[in-house]
Amino acid sequence: PAPAPAPGGVTQPLPTTSLYVGDLEANVTDSQLYELFSQAGQVVSVRVCRDVTSRRSLGYAYVNYSSPMDAARAMEALNFAPLNNKPIRVMYSNRDPSSRRSGSANIFIKNLDKTIDNKTLHDTFSAFGAILSCKVAMDDIGQSKGFGFVQYEKEESAQSAMKSLNGMLINDKPVYVGPFLRKQERDNSFDKAKFNNVFVKNLSESTTKDDLVKVFSEYGTITSAVVMIGMDGKSRCFGFVNFESPDDAARAVEELNGKKINDKEWYVGRAQKKSEREMDLKRRFEQSMKDAADKYQGQNLYLKNLDDGITDDQLRELFSNFGKITSCKVISCFAIILLLFV
């Protein structure tokens, strides 16, 4: 026979006794969770997940029951319950990454009123089907960022919610409701986005606004152009050109990027917002760290549980007999050392 739906309407393929508890306040302990969740049934184990070095809470935990019925009862009764003055999120534990990363039943909601919290979002979207997870994104001080995510059990529920709620007023604000896109998909759509404003750098110091207009106007109508000038009155060797047509801007980027003008090879690309530049820098930094890790794979040593008095010099002297050390650093707050041998 088919498994009976758990309270709240979430049908599990198999009975489960494991719950994920998210949005924990930083100081919540295992014993607090044990005491709270024991109200719903016999708890077998509780674990607040922590950083391996600092031991700080990662903001989520797992609670295991002896009975699937107890787990279902806890999820129904304790989802959004306050703990240390902060509502917690409770849902069935799902360790299968393929189902979490599959975007078929996941939706993204933005332009949310700041007063919308997880419970309100859940109550609004649960009308369209069983919800597996629901979250409003929050900043460091617990204020809504104005967007959130809902994962349904079934794709049809997600499609119905998007069709019915996209553009509707929630707390007097029209909300966008659309499919959730993974980071790679968002990056791809970002790269293909239409734009009017073009960024150009590596200019000659003698290049002027009129020079930019002369070069770029070959590709279409220009509404503005500027060469950035420093405090000393000299060119900073980069500027911006704004086209009337996105197609003309794209053609200018395609034709002029990498072209040599006045003995300078120009970089020409889509002008980015500050947030976009920061995202790009972060992506490059993460890639450089990965490349460095790959390069020195097998040459790194990590030490922990060091005495507080151990210094960089003492460790360098201790390990220098085994090879040339290129880096040796004690990270005091974590009591970890990294050594690179070549």
C-alpha atoms as a PDB file:
ATOM      1  CA  PRO A   1       0.000   0.000   0.000  1.00  0.00           C
ATOM      2  CA  ALA A   2       1.052   3.592  -0.627  1.00  0.00           C
ATOM      3  CA  PRO A   3       2.542   5.370   2.390  1.00  0.00           C
ATOM      4  CA  ALA A   4       0.177   7.667   4.211  1.00  0.00           C
ATOM      5  CA  PRO A   5       0.857  11.386   3.948  1.00  0.00           C
ATOM      6  CA  ALA A   6       2.546  12.947   6.947  1.00  0.00           C
ATOM      7  CA  PRO A   7       0.868  15.821   8.748  1.00  0.00           C
ATOM      8  CA  GLY A   8       0.988  18.937   6.582  1.00  0.00           C
ATOM      9  CA  GLY A   9       0.374  16.874   3.451  1.00  0.00           C
ATOM     10  CA  VAL A  10       3.969  15.888   2.656  1.00  0.00           C
ATOM     11  CA  THR A  11       3.991  12.341   1.283  1.00  0.00           C
ATOM     12  CA  GLN A  12       7.284  10.577   1.829  1.00  0.00           C
ATOM     13  CA  PRO A  13       8.342   7.772  -0.521  1.00  0.00           C
ATOM     14  CA  LEU A  14       9.514   5.848   2.546  1.00  0.00           C
ATOM     15  CA  PRO A  15       8.814   6.438   6.245  1.00  0.00           C
ATOM     16  CA  THR A  16      11.600   8.560   7.678  1.00  0.00           C
ATOM     17  CA  THR A  17      12.675   9.225  11.218  1.00  0.00           C
ATOM     18  CA  SER A  18      15.265  11.916  10.487  1.00  0.00           C
ATOM     19  CA  LEU A  19      14.528  15.652  10.547  1.00  0.00           C
ATOM     20  CA  TYR A  20      16.549  18.637   9.379  1.00  0.00           C
ATOM     21  CA  VAL A  21      16.276  21.690  11.652  1.00  0.00           C
ATOM     22  CA  GLY A  22      17.410  24.965  10.124  1.00  0.00           C
ATOM     23  CA  ASP A  23      17.625  28.689  10.929  1.00  0.00           C
ATOM     24  CA  LEU A  24      19.037  27.975  14.381  1.00  0.00           C
ATOM     25  CA  GLU A  25      20.140  30.854  16.563  1.00  0.00           C
ATOM     26  CA  ALA A  26      23.918  30.706  17.042  1.00  0.00           C
ATOM     27  CA  ASN A  27      23.799  29.614  20.694  1.00  0.00           C
ATOM     28  CA  VAL A  28      21.262  26.797  20.408  1.00  0.00           C
ATOM     29  CA  THR A  29      22.644  23.584  21.942  1.00  0.00           C
ATOM     30  CA  ASP A  30      22.020  19.867  21.483  1.00  0.00           C
ATOM     31  CA  SER A  31      20.339  19.688  24.886  1.00  0.00           C
ATOM     32  CA  GLN A  32      17.912  22.495  24.018  1.00  0.00           C
ATOM     33  CA  LEU A  33      16.887  20.703  20.845  1.00  0.00           C
ATOM     34  CA  TYR A  34      16.583  17.395  22.661  1.00  0.00           C
ATOM     35  CA  GLU A  35      14.291  18.958  25.254  1.00  0.00           C
ATOM     36  CA  LEU A  36      12.135  20.667  22.612  1.00  0.00           C
ATOM     37  CA  PHE A  37      11.803  17.727  20.216  1.00  0.00           C
ATOM     38  CA  SER A  38      11.219  15.206  22.998  1.00  0.00           C
ATOM     39  CA  GLN A  39       7.797  16.807  23.387  1.00  0.00           C
ATOM     40  CA  ALA A  40       6.778  15.127  20.111  1.00  0.00           C
ATOM     41  CA  GLY A  41       8.146  11.637  20.772  1.00  0.00           C
ATOM     42  CA  GLN A  42      11.168   9.497  21.608  1.00  0.00           C
ATOM     43  CA  VAL A  43      14.332  11.183  20.327  1.00  0.00           C
ATOM     44  CA  VAL A  44      17.209   8.844  19.475  1.00  0.00           C
ATOM     45  CA  SER A  45      19.856  11.458  18.708  1.00  0.00           C
ATOM     46  CA  VAL A  46      20.371  15.196  18.222  1.00  0.00           C
ATOM     47  CA  ARG A  47      23.322  16.906  16.563  1.00  0.00           C
ATOM     48  CA  VAL A  48      23.918  20.600  15.994  1.00  0.00           C
ATOM     49  CA  CYS A  49      26.329  20.809  13.055  1.00  0.00           C
ATOM     50  CA  ARG A  50      29.439  22.856  13.813  1.00  0.00           C
ATOM     51  CA  ASP A  51      32.542  24.152  12.085  1.00  0.00           C
ATOM     52  CA  VAL A  52      35.298  21.576  12.535  1.00  0.00           C
ATOM     53  CA  THR A  53      37.840  24.117  13.724  1.00  0.00           C
ATOM     54  CA  SER A  54      36.015  26.983  15.438  1.00  0.00           C
ATOM     55  CA  ARG A  55      33.186  24.731  16.754  1.00  0.00           C
ATOM     56  CA  ARG A  56      30.715  27.497  15.951  1.00  0.00           C
ATOM     57  CA  SER A  57      27.210  26.445  15.020  1.00  0.00           C
ATOM     58  CA  LEU A  58      26.511  26.264  11.290  1.00  0.00           C
ATOM     59  CA  GLY A  59      22.885  27.144  11.971  1.00  0.00           C
ATOM     60  CA  TYR A  60      21.326  23.749  11.391  1.00  0.00           C
ATOM     61  CA  ALA A  61      20.951  20.373  13.087  1.00  0.00           C
ATOM     62  CA  TYR A  62      19.609  16.844  12.657  1.00  0.00           C
ATOM     63  CA  VAL A  63      17.122  15.171  14.988  1.00  0.00           C
ATOM     64  CA  ASN A  64      16.449  11.427  14.757  1.00  0.00           C
ATOM     65  CA  TYR A  65      13.383   9.694  16.198  1.00  0.00           C
ATOM     66  CA  SER A  66      12.726   6.033  16.836  1.00  0.00           C
ATOM     67  CA  SER A  67       9.352   6.263  15.071  1.00  0.00           C
ATOM     68  CA  PRO A  68       8.336   7.855  11.740  1.00  0.00           C
ATOM     69  CA  MET A  69       5.079   8.961  13.363  1.00  0.00           C
ATOM     70  CA  ASP A  70       6.994  10.885  16.034  1.00  0.00           C
ATOM     71  CA  ALA A  71       9.064  12.586  13.327  1.00  0.00           C
ATOM     72  CA  ALA A  72       5.918  13.552  11.419  1.00  0.00           C
ATOM     73  CA  ARG A  73       4.311  14.873  14.597  1.00  0.00           C
ATOM     74  CA  ALA A  74       7.393  16.964  15.403  1.00  0.00           C
ATOM     75  CA  MET A  75       7.524  18.477  11.929  1.00  0.00           C
ATOM     76  CA  GLU A  76       3.873  19.436  12.103  1.00  0.00           C
ATOM     77  CA  ALA A  77       4.051  20.867  15.637  1.00  0.00           C
ATOM     78  CA  LEU A  78       7.496  22.495  15.718  1.00  0.00           C
ATOM     79  CA  ASN A  79       8.009  23.975  12.251  1.00  0.00           C
ATOM     80  CA  PHE A  80       8.477  27.747  12.764  1.00  0.00           C
ATOM     81  CA  ALA A  81       8.453  27.338  16.558  1.00  0.00           C
ATOM     82  CA  PRO A  82      10.593  29.996  18.299  1.00  0.00           C
ATOM     83  CA  LEU A  83      13.840  28.857  19.921  1.00  0.00           C
ATOM     84  CA  ASN A  84      16.073  31.478  21.529  1.00  0.00           C
ATOM     85  CA  ASN A  85      13.658  34.054  20.074  1.00  0.00           C
ATOM     86  CA  LYS A  86      14.179  32.852  16.499  1.00  0.00           C
ATOM     87  CA  PRO A  87      11.733  30.683  14.492  1.00  0.00           C
ATOM     88  CA  ILE A  88      13.244  27.370  13.387  1.00  0.00           C
ATOM     89  CA  ARG A  89      12.555  25.497  10.155  1.00  0.00           C
ATOM     90  CA  VAL A  90      11.802  21.788  10.395  1.00  0.00           C
ATOM     91  CA  MET A  91      11.601  19.413   7.448  1.00  0.00           C
ATOM     92  CA  TYR A  92      12.430  15.855   6.579  1.00  0.00           C
ATOM     93  CA  SER A  93      16.152  15.253   6.166  1.00  0.00           C
ATOM     94  CA  ASN A  94      17.099  14.781   2.518  1.00  0.00           C
ATOM     95  CA  ARG A  95      20.730  13.746   1.993  1.00  0.00           C
ATOM     96  CA  ASP A  96      20.192  13.040  -1.741  1.00  0.00           C
ATOM     97  CA  PRO A  97      21.975  15.898  -3.577  1.00  0.00           C
ATOM     98  CA  SER A  98      20.341  15.092  -6.927  1.00  0.00           C
ATOM     99  CA  SER A  99      16.856  15.837  -5.617  1.00  0.00           C
ATOM    100  CA  ARG A 100      18.014  19.008  -3.859  1.00  0.00           C
ATOM    101  CA  ARG A 101      19.801  20.329  -6.946  1.00  0.00           C
ATOM    102  CA  SER A 102      17.067  19.401  -9.370  1.00  0.00           C
ATOM    103  CA  GLY A 103      15.201  22.610 -10.055  1.00  0.00           C
ATOM    104  CA  SER A 104      12.045  20.976 -11.407  1.00  0.00           C
ATOM    105  CA  ALA A 105       9.902  21.587  -8.315  1.00  0.00           C
ATOM    106  CA  ASN A 106      11.827  24.555  -6.917  1.00  0.00           C
ATOM    107  CA  ILE A 107      10.662  28.142  -7.300  1.00  0.00           C
ATOM    108  CA  PHE A 108      12.202  31.543  -6.623  1.00  0.00           C
ATOM    109  CA  ILE A 109      10.209  34.467  -5.219  1.00  0.00           C
ATOM    110  CA  LYS A 110      11.412  38.081  -5.139  1.00  0.00           C
ATOM    111  CA  ASN A 111      10.088  41.561  -4.295  1.00  0.00           C
ATOM    112  CA  LEU A 112       8.737  40.217  -1.017  1.00  0.00           C
ATOM    113  CA  ASP A 113       7.574  42.678   1.608  1.00  0.00           C
ATOM    114  CA  LYS A 114      10.081  42.848   4.478  1.00  0.00           C
ATOM    115  CA  THR A 115       7.461  41.593   6.926  1.00  0.00           C
ATOM    116  CA  ILE A 116       7.054  38.257   5.109  1.00  0.00           C
ATOM    117  CA  ASP A 117       8.732  35.500   7.142  1.00  0.00           C
ATOM    118  CA  ASN A 118       9.175  31.760   6.564  1.00  0.00           C
ATOM    119  CA  LYS A 119       5.799  30.859   8.064  1.00  0.00           C
ATOM    120  CA  THR A 120       3.887  33.446   6.035  1.00  0.00           C
ATOM    121  CA  LEU A 121       5.618  32.305   2.857  1.00  0.00           C
ATOM    122  CA  HIS A 122       4.860  28.674   3.705  1.00  0.00           C
ATOM    123  CA  ASP A 123       1.208  29.430   4.443  1.00  0.00           C
ATOM    124  CA  THR A 124       0.828  31.342   1.174  1.00  0.00           C
ATOM    125  CA  PHE A 125       2.401  28.739  -1.098  1.00  0.00           C
ATOM    126  CA  SER A 126       1.139  25.591   0.625  1.00  0.00           C
ATOM    127  CA  ALA A 127      -2.237  26.128  -1.088  1.00  0.00           C
ATOM    128  CA  PHE A 128      -0.689  24.733  -4.292  1.00  0.00           C
ATOM    129  CA  GLY A 129       0.742  21.502  -2.925  1.00  0.00           C
ATOM    130  CA  ALA A 130       2.951  19.785  -0.385  1.00  0.00           C
ATOM    131  CA  ILE A 131       6.072  21.796   0.457  1.00  0.00           C
ATOM    132  CA  LEU A 132       9.379  20.092   1.248  1.00  0.00           C
ATOM    133  CA  SER A 133      11.247  23.266   2.190  1.00  0.00           C
ATOM    134  CA  CYS A 134      10.557  26.979   2.376  1.00  0.00           C
ATOM    135  CA  LYS A 135      12.920  29.833   3.209  1.00  0.00           C
ATOM    136  CA  VAL A 136      13.050  33.627   3.141  1.00  0.00           C
ATOM    137  CA  ALA A 137      16.643  34.853   2.709  1.00  0.00           C
ATOM    138  CA  MET A 138      17.856  36.909   5.678  1.00  0.00           C
ATOM    139  CA  ASP A 139      20.814  39.227   6.225  1.00  0.00           C
ATOM    140  CA  ASP A 140      23.261  39.083   9.135  1.00  0.00           C
ATOM    141  CA  ILE A 141      20.902  40.905  11.496  1.00  0.00           C
ATOM    142  CA  GLY A 142      17.865  38.786  10.647  1.00  0.00           C
ATOM    143  CA  GLN A 143      16.160  41.204   8.257  1.00  0.00           C
ATOM    144  CA  SER A 144      14.518  39.869   5.088  1.00  0.00           C
ATOM    145  CA  LYS A 145      16.438  40.394   1.861  1.00  0.00           C
ATOM    146  CA  GLY A 146      13.159  40.466  -0.033  1.00  0.00           C
ATOM    147  CA  PHE A 147      13.433  37.106  -1.741  1.00  0.00           C
ATOM    148  CA  GLY A 148      12.949  33.447  -0.930  1.00  0.00           C
ATOM    149  CA  PHE A 149      12.664  29.867  -2.154  1.00  0.00           C
ATOM    150  CA  VAL A 150      10.046  27.147  -2.033  1.00  0.00           C
ATOM    151  CA  GLN A 151      10.631  23.505  -2.926  1.00  0.00           C
ATOM    152  CA  TYR A 152       7.514  21.469  -3.638  1.00  0.00           C
ATOM    153  CA  GLU A 153       7.144  17.733  -3.552  1.00  0.00           C
ATOM    154  CA  LYS A 154       5.755  17.737  -7.097  1.00  0.00           C
ATOM    155  CA  GLU A 155       6.637  19.744 -10.203  1.00  0.00           C
ATOM    156  CA  GLU A 156       2.949  20.312 -10.971  1.00  0.00           C
ATOM    157  CA  SER A 157       2.570  22.189  -7.680  1.00  0.00           C
ATOM    158  CA  ALA A 158       5.473  24.481  -8.566  1.00  0.00           C
ATOM    159  CA  GLN A 159       4.030  25.164 -12.028  1.00  0.00           C
ATOM    160  CA  SER A 160       0.617  25.941 -10.522  1.00  0.00           C
ATOM    161  CA  ALA A 161       2.122  28.337  -7.956  1.00  0.00           C
ATOM    162  CA  MET A 162       4.124  30.193 -10.610  1.00  0.00           C
ATOM    163  CA  LYS A 163       1.102  30.500 -12.887  1.00  0.00           C
ATOM    164  CA  SER A 164      -1.226  31.701 -10.128  1.00  0.00           C
ATOM    165  CA  LEU A 165       1.019  33.934  -7.994  1.00  0.00           C
ATOM    166  CA  ASN A 166       3.484  35.597 -10.392  1.00  0.00           C
ATOM    167  CA  GLY A 167       2.627  39.301 -10.411  1.00  0.00           C
ATOM    168  CA  MET A 168       0.062  38.976  -7.617  1.00  0.00           C
ATOM    169  CA  LEU A 169      -0.002  41.377  -4.667  1.00  0.00           C
ATOM    170  CA  ILE A 170       1.276  39.974  -1.361  1.00  0.00           C
ATOM    171  CA  ASN A 171       1.149  42.558   1.416  1.00  0.00           C
ATOM    172  CA  ASP A 172       0.440  45.201  -1.259  1.00  0.00           C
ATOM    173  CA  LYS A 173       3.581  44.361  -3.251  1.00  0.00           C
ATOM    174  CA  PRO A 174       3.567  42.611  -6.652  1.00  0.00           C
ATOM    175  CA  VAL A 175       5.847  39.562  -6.373  1.00  0.00           C
ATOM    176  CA  TYR A 176       7.842  37.754  -9.009  1.00  0.00           C
ATOM    177  CA  VAL A 177       7.432  33.974  -8.860  1.00  0.00           C
ATOM    178  CA  GLY A 178       9.521  31.947 -11.275  1.00  0.00           C
ATOM    179  CA  PRO A 179      11.630  28.820 -11.618  1.00  0.00           C
ATOM    180  CA  PHE A 180      14.671  28.429  -9.380  1.00  0.00           C
ATOM    181  CA  LEU A 181      17.921  28.539 -11.367  1.00  0.00           C
ATOM    182  CA  ARG A 182      21.157  26.935 -10.195  1.00  0.00           C
ATOM    183  CA  LYS A 183      24.223  29.195  -9.999  1.00  0.00           C
ATOM    184  CA  GLN A 184      25.607  27.939 -13.300  1.00  0.00           C
ATOM    185  CA  GLU A 185      22.275  28.603 -15.013  1.00  0.00           C
ATOM    186  CA  ARG A 186      22.124  32.113 -13.482  1.00  0.00           C
ATOM    187  CA  ASP A 187      25.663  32.805 -14.676  1.00  0.00           C
ATOM    188  CA  ASN A 188      24.805  31.651 -18.199  1.00  0.00           C
ATOM    189  CA  SER A 189      21.734  33.883 -18.364  1.00  0.00           C
ATOM    190  CA  PHE A 190      23.824  36.716 -16.909  1.00  0.00           C
ATOM    191  CA  ASP A 191      26.387  36.305 -19.717  1.00  0.00           C
ATOM    192  CA  LYS A 192      23.643  36.400 -22.381  1.00  0.00           C
ATOM    193  CA  ALA A 193      21.825  39.417 -20.939  1.00  0.00           C
ATOM    194  CA  LYS A 194      21.236  42.421 -23.213  1.00  0.00           C
ATOM    195  CA  PHE A 195      23.105  45.607 -22.330  1.00  0.00           C
ATOM    196  CA  ASN A 196      23.583  49.167 -23.568  1.00  0.00           C
ATOM    197  CA  ASN A 197      26.544  50.314 -21.504  1.00  0.00           C
ATOM    198  CA  VAL A 198      30.040  49.291 -22.607  1.00  0.00           C
ATOM    199  CA  PHE A 199      33.200  49.381 -20.500  1.00  0.00           C
ATOM    200  CA  VAL A 200      36.562  49.998 -22.199  1.00  0.00           C
ATOM    201  CA  LYS A 201      39.983  49.896 -20.515  1.00  0.00           C
ATOM    202  CA  ASN A 202      43.718  49.944 -21.302  1.00  0.00           C
ATOM    203  CA  LEU A 203      43.293  53.225 -23.158  1.00  0.00           C
ATOM    204  CA  SER A 204      46.227  55.419 -24.080  1.00  0.00           C
ATOM    205  CA  GLU A 205      46.589  58.422 -21.738  1.00  0.00           C
ATOM    206  CA  SER A 206      45.986  60.662 -24.757  1.00  0.00           C
ATOM    207  CA  THR A 207      42.636  59.011 -25.651  1.00  0.00           C
ATOM    208  CA  THR A 208      39.740  61.449 -25.178  1.00  0.00           C
ATOM    209  CA  LYS A 209      35.965  61.277 -25.058  1.00  0.00           C
ATOM    210  CA  ASP A 210      35.852  62.445 -28.691  1.00  0.00           C
ATOM    211  CA  ASP A 211      38.190  59.590 -29.646  1.00  0.00           C
ATOM    212  CA  LEU A 212      35.827  57.084 -28.023  1.00  0.00           C
ATOM    213  CA  VAL A 213      32.837  58.580 -29.829  1.00  0.00           C
ATOM    214  CA  LYS A 214      34.684  58.423 -33.153  1.00  0.00           C
ATOM    215  CA  VAL A 215      35.627  54.744 -32.729  1.00  0.00           C
ATOM    216  CA  PHE A 216      32.376  53.447 -31.230  1.00  0.00           C
ATOM    217  CA  SER A 217      29.942  55.439 -33.386  1.00  0.00           C
ATOM    218  CA  GLU A 218      30.838  53.175 -36.300  1.00  0.00           C
ATOM    219  CA  TYR A 219      28.691  50.527 -34.604  1.00  0.00           C
ATOM    220  CA  GLY A 220      25.580  52.562 -33.837  1.00  0.00           C
ATOM    221  CA  THR A 221      24.073  55.612 -32.163  1.00  0.00           C
ATOM    222  CA  ILE A 222      25.861  56.644 -28.949  1.00  0.00           C
ATOM    223  CA  THR A 223      23.931  58.411 -26.188  1.00  0.00           C
ATOM    224  CA  SER A 224      26.942  59.164 -23.961  1.00  0.00           C
ATOM    225  CA  ALA A 225      30.676  58.550 -23.608  1.00  0.00           C
ATOM    226  CA  VAL A 226      33.219  59.355 -20.921  1.00  0.00           C
ATOM    227  CA  VAL A 227      36.910  58.832 -20.157  1.00  0.00           C
ATOM    228  CA  MET A 228      37.490  58.689 -16.388  1.00  0.00           C
ATOM    229  CA  ILE A 229      39.872  61.337 -15.022  1.00  0.00           C
ATOM    230  CA  GLY A 230      41.858  61.070 -11.783  1.00  0.00           C
ATOM    231  CA  MET A 231      42.370  63.642  -9.013  1.00  0.00           C
ATOM    232  CA  ASP A 232      45.575  64.737 -10.745  1.00  0.00           C
ATOM    233  CA  GLY A 233      43.686  65.599 -13.916  1.00  0.00           C
ATOM    234  CA  LYS A 234      45.179  62.725 -15.886  1.00  0.00           C
ATOM    235  CA  SER A 235      43.291  59.959 -17.647  1.00  0.00           C
ATOM    236  CA  ARG A 236      42.717  56.779 -15.628  1.00  0.00           C
ATOM    237  CA  CYS A 237      42.864  54.945 -18.977  1.00  0.00           C
ATOM    238  CA  PHE A 238      39.339  53.536 -18.888  1.00  0.00           C
ATOM    239  CA  GLY A 239      35.885  54.769 -19.783  1.00  0.00           C
ATOM    240  CA  PHE A 240      32.279  53.990 -20.680  1.00  0.00           C
ATOM    241  CA  VAL A 241      30.212  54.238 -23.847  1.00  0.00           C
ATOM    242  CA  ASN A 242      26.439  53.992 -23.838  1.00  0.00           C
ATOM    243  CA  PHE A 243      24.593  52.865 -26.972  1.00  0.00           C
ATOM    244  CA  GLU A 244      20.972  53.483 -27.882  1.00  0.00           C
ATOM    245  CA  SER A 245      20.613  49.879 -29.079  1.00  0.00           C
ATOM    246  CA  PRO A 246      21.724  46.737 -27.175  1.00  0.00           C
ATOM    247  CA  ASP A 247      22.471  45.037 -30.499  1.00  0.00           C
ATOM    248  CA  ASP A 248      24.888  47.843 -31.432  1.00  0.00           C
ATOM    249  CA  ALA A 249      26.558  47.566 -28.013  1.00  0.00           C
ATOM    250  CA  ALA A 250      27.009  43.800 -28.430  1.00  0.00           C
ATOM    251  CA  ARG A 251      28.475  44.249 -31.918  1.00  0.00           C
ATOM    252  CA  ALA A 252      30.936  46.883 -30.663  1.00  0.00           C
ATOM    253  CA  VAL A 253      32.124  44.520 -27.911  1.00  0.00           C
ATOM    254  CA  GLU A 254      32.539  41.670 -30.380  1.00  0.00           C
ATOM    255  CA  GLU A 255      34.469  43.767 -32.907  1.00  0.00           C
ATOM    256  CA  LEU A 256      36.593  45.972 -30.626  1.00  0.00           C
ATOM    257  CA  ASN A 257      37.598  43.715 -27.732  1.00  0.00           C
ATOM    258  CA  GLY A 258      41.300  42.934 -28.118  1.00  0.00           C
ATOM    259  CA  LYS A 259      41.793  45.418 -30.962  1.00  0.00           C
ATOM    260  CA  LYS A 260      44.986  47.502 -30.918  1.00  0.00           C
ATOM    261  CA  ILE A 261      44.404  51.273 -31.003  1.00  0.00           C
ATOM    262  CA  ASN A 262      47.216  53.811 -30.430  1.00  0.00           C
ATOM    263  CA  ASP A 263      49.544  50.876 -29.643  1.00  0.00           C
ATOM    264  CA  LYS A 264      47.220  49.750 -26.834  1.00  0.00           C
ATOM    265  CA  GLU A 265      45.206  46.535 -26.859  1.00  0.00           C
ATOM    266  CA  TRP A 266      41.754  47.555 -25.699  1.00  0.00           C
ATOM    267  CA  TYR A 267      39.569  45.494 -23.430  1.00  0.00           C
ATOM    268  CA  VAL A 268      35.940  46.122 -24.377  1.00  0.00           C
ATOM    269  CA  GLY A 269      33.093  44.412 -22.534  1.00  0.00           C
ATOM    270  CA  ARG A 270      29.689  44.836 -20.944  1.00  0.00           C
ATOM    271  CA  ALA A 271      29.756  47.399 -18.125  1.00  0.00           C
ATOM    272  CA  GLN A 272      28.966  45.664 -14.846  1.00  0.00           C
ATOM    273  CA  LYS A 273      27.196  46.885 -11.732  1.00  0.00           C
ATOM    274  CA  LYS A 274      29.204  46.916  -8.496  1.00  0.00           C
ATOM    275  CA  SER A 275      27.468  43.759  -7.254  1.00  0.00           C
ATOM    276  CA  GLU A 276      28.242  42.011 -10.545  1.00  0.00           C
ATOM    277  CA  ARG A 277      31.918  43.024 -10.380  1.00  0.00           C
ATOM    278  CA  GLU A 278      32.136  41.708  -6.815  1.00  0.00           C
ATOM    279  CA  MET A 279      30.563  38.416  -7.894  1.00  0.00           C
ATOM    280  CA  ASP A 280      33.045  38.141 -10.765  1.00  0.00           C
ATOM    281  CA  LEU A 281      36.005  38.865  -8.459  1.00  0.00           C
ATOM    282  CA  LYS A 282      34.745  36.267  -5.985  1.00  0.00           C
ATOM    283  CA  ARG A 283      34.460  33.702  -8.773  1.00  0.00           C
ATOM    284  CA  ARG A 284      38.013  34.431  -9.946  1.00  0.00           C
ATOM    285  CA  PHE A 285      39.371  34.268  -6.392  1.00  0.00           C
ATOM    286  CA  GLU A 286      37.705  30.913  -5.751  1.00  0.00           C
ATOM    287  CA  GLN A 287      39.119  29.572  -9.010  1.00  0.00           C
ATOM    288  CA  SER A 288      42.627  30.799  -8.143  1.00  0.00           C
ATOM    289  CA  MET A 289      42.378  29.121  -4.733  1.00  0.00           C
ATOM    290  CA  LYS A 290      41.283  25.891  -6.399  1.00  0.00           C
ATOM    291  CA  ASP A 291      44.160  26.113  -8.888  1.00  0.00           C
ATOM    292  CA  ALA A 292      46.614  26.681  -6.028  1.00  0.00           C
ATOM    293  CA  ALA A 293      45.198  23.741  -4.096  1.00  0.00           C
ATOM    294  CA  ASP A 294      45.519  21.514  -7.168  1.00  0.00           C
ATOM    295  CA  LYS A 295      49.076  22.703  -7.759  1.00  0.00           C
ATOM    296  CA  TYR A 296      50.219  21.922  -4.221  1.00  0.00           C
ATOM    297  CA  GLN A 297      48.150  18.807  -3.704  1.00  0.00           C
ATOM    298  CA  GLY A 298      50.139  16.342  -1.625  1.00  0.00           C
ATOM    299  CA  GLN A 299      52.507  19.071  -0.393  1.00  0.00           C
ATOM    300  CA  ASN A 300      50.317  20.511   2.346  1.00  0.00           C
ATOM    301  CA  LEU A 301      50.412  19.523   5.981  1.00  0.00           C
ATOM    302  CA  TYR A 302      47.739  20.584   8.449  1.00  0.00           C
ATOM    303  CA  LEU A 303      48.375  20.415  12.188  1.00  0.00           C
ATOM    304  CA  LYS A 304      45.840  21.007  14.923  1.00  0.00           C
ATOM    305  CA  ASN A 305      45.597  20.838  18.714  1.00  0.00           C
ATOM    306  CA  LEU A 306      48.792  22.894  18.962  1.00  0.00           C
ATOM    307  CA  ASP A 307      49.864  24.495  22.199  1.00  0.00           C
ATOM    308  CA  ASP A 308      48.888  28.188  22.318  1.00  0.00           C
ATOM    309  CA  GLY A 309      52.528  29.167  22.716  1.00  0.00           C
ATOM    310  CA  ILE A 310      53.764  27.569  19.466  1.00  0.00           C
ATOM    311  CA  THR A 311      55.065  30.151  16.967  1.00  0.00           C
ATOM    312  CA  ASP A 312      55.657  30.144  13.197  1.00  0.00           C
ATOM    313  CA  ASP A 313      59.442  30.092  13.715  1.00  0.00           C
ATOM    314  CA  GLN A 314      59.327  27.122  16.083  1.00  0.00           C
ATOM    315  CA  LEU A 315      57.315  25.049  13.640  1.00  0.00           C
ATOM    316  CA  ARG A 316      59.484  26.083  10.695  1.00  0.00           C
ATOM    317  CA  GLU A 317      62.571  24.950  12.613  1.00  0.00           C
ATOM    318  CA  LEU A 318      60.904  21.678  13.616  1.00  0.00           C
ATOM    319  CA  PHE A 319      59.878  20.727  10.055  1.00  0.00           C
ATOM    320  CA  SER A 320      62.818  22.198   8.094  1.00  0.00           C
ATOM    321  CA  ASN A 321      64.735  18.907   8.326  1.00  0.00           C
ATOM    322  CA  PHE A 322      62.211  17.268   5.981  1.00  0.00           C
ATOM    323  CA  GLY A 323      62.464  19.663   3.033  1.00  0.00           C
ATOM    324  CA  LYS A 324      62.307  23.268   1.878  1.00  0.00           C
ATOM    325  CA  ILE A 325      59.312  25.080   3.385  1.00  0.00           C
ATOM    326  CA  THR A 326      57.661  27.745   1.239  1.00  0.00           C
ATOM    327  CA  SER A 327      54.942  28.692   3.712  1.00  0.00           C
ATOM    328  CA  CYS A 328      54.483  28.143   7.431  1.00  0.00           C
ATOM    329  CA  LYS A 329      51.749  29.864   9.401  1.00  0.00           C
ATOM    330  CA  VAL A 330      49.991  29.281  12.701  1.00  0.00           C
ATOM    331  CA  ILE A 331      46.375  30.454  12.532  1.00  0.00           C
ATOM    332  CA  SER A 332      46.009  31.344  16.157  1.00  0.00           C
ATOM    333  CA  CYS A 333      42.256  31.268  16.532  1.00  0.00           C
ATOM    334  CA  PHE A 334      42.015  27.819  15.018  1.00  0.00           C
ATOM    335  CA  ALA A 335      45.388  26.459  16.176  1.00  0.00           C
ATOM    336  CA  ILE A 336      46.120  25.072  12.699  1.00  0.00           C
ATOM    337  CA  ILE A 337      49.326  25.242  10.692  1.00  0.00           C
ATOM    338  CA  LEU A 338      49.862  24.927   6.950  1.00  0.00           C
ATOM    339  CA  LEU A 339      53.223  23.941   5.526  1.00  0.00           C
ATOM    340  CA  LEU A 340      54.031  23.735   1.819  1.00  0.00           C
ATOM    341  CA  PHE A 341      57.009  21.581   0.808  1.00  0.00           C
ATOM    342  CA  VAL A 342      58.754  21.794  -2.546  1.00  0.00           C
END
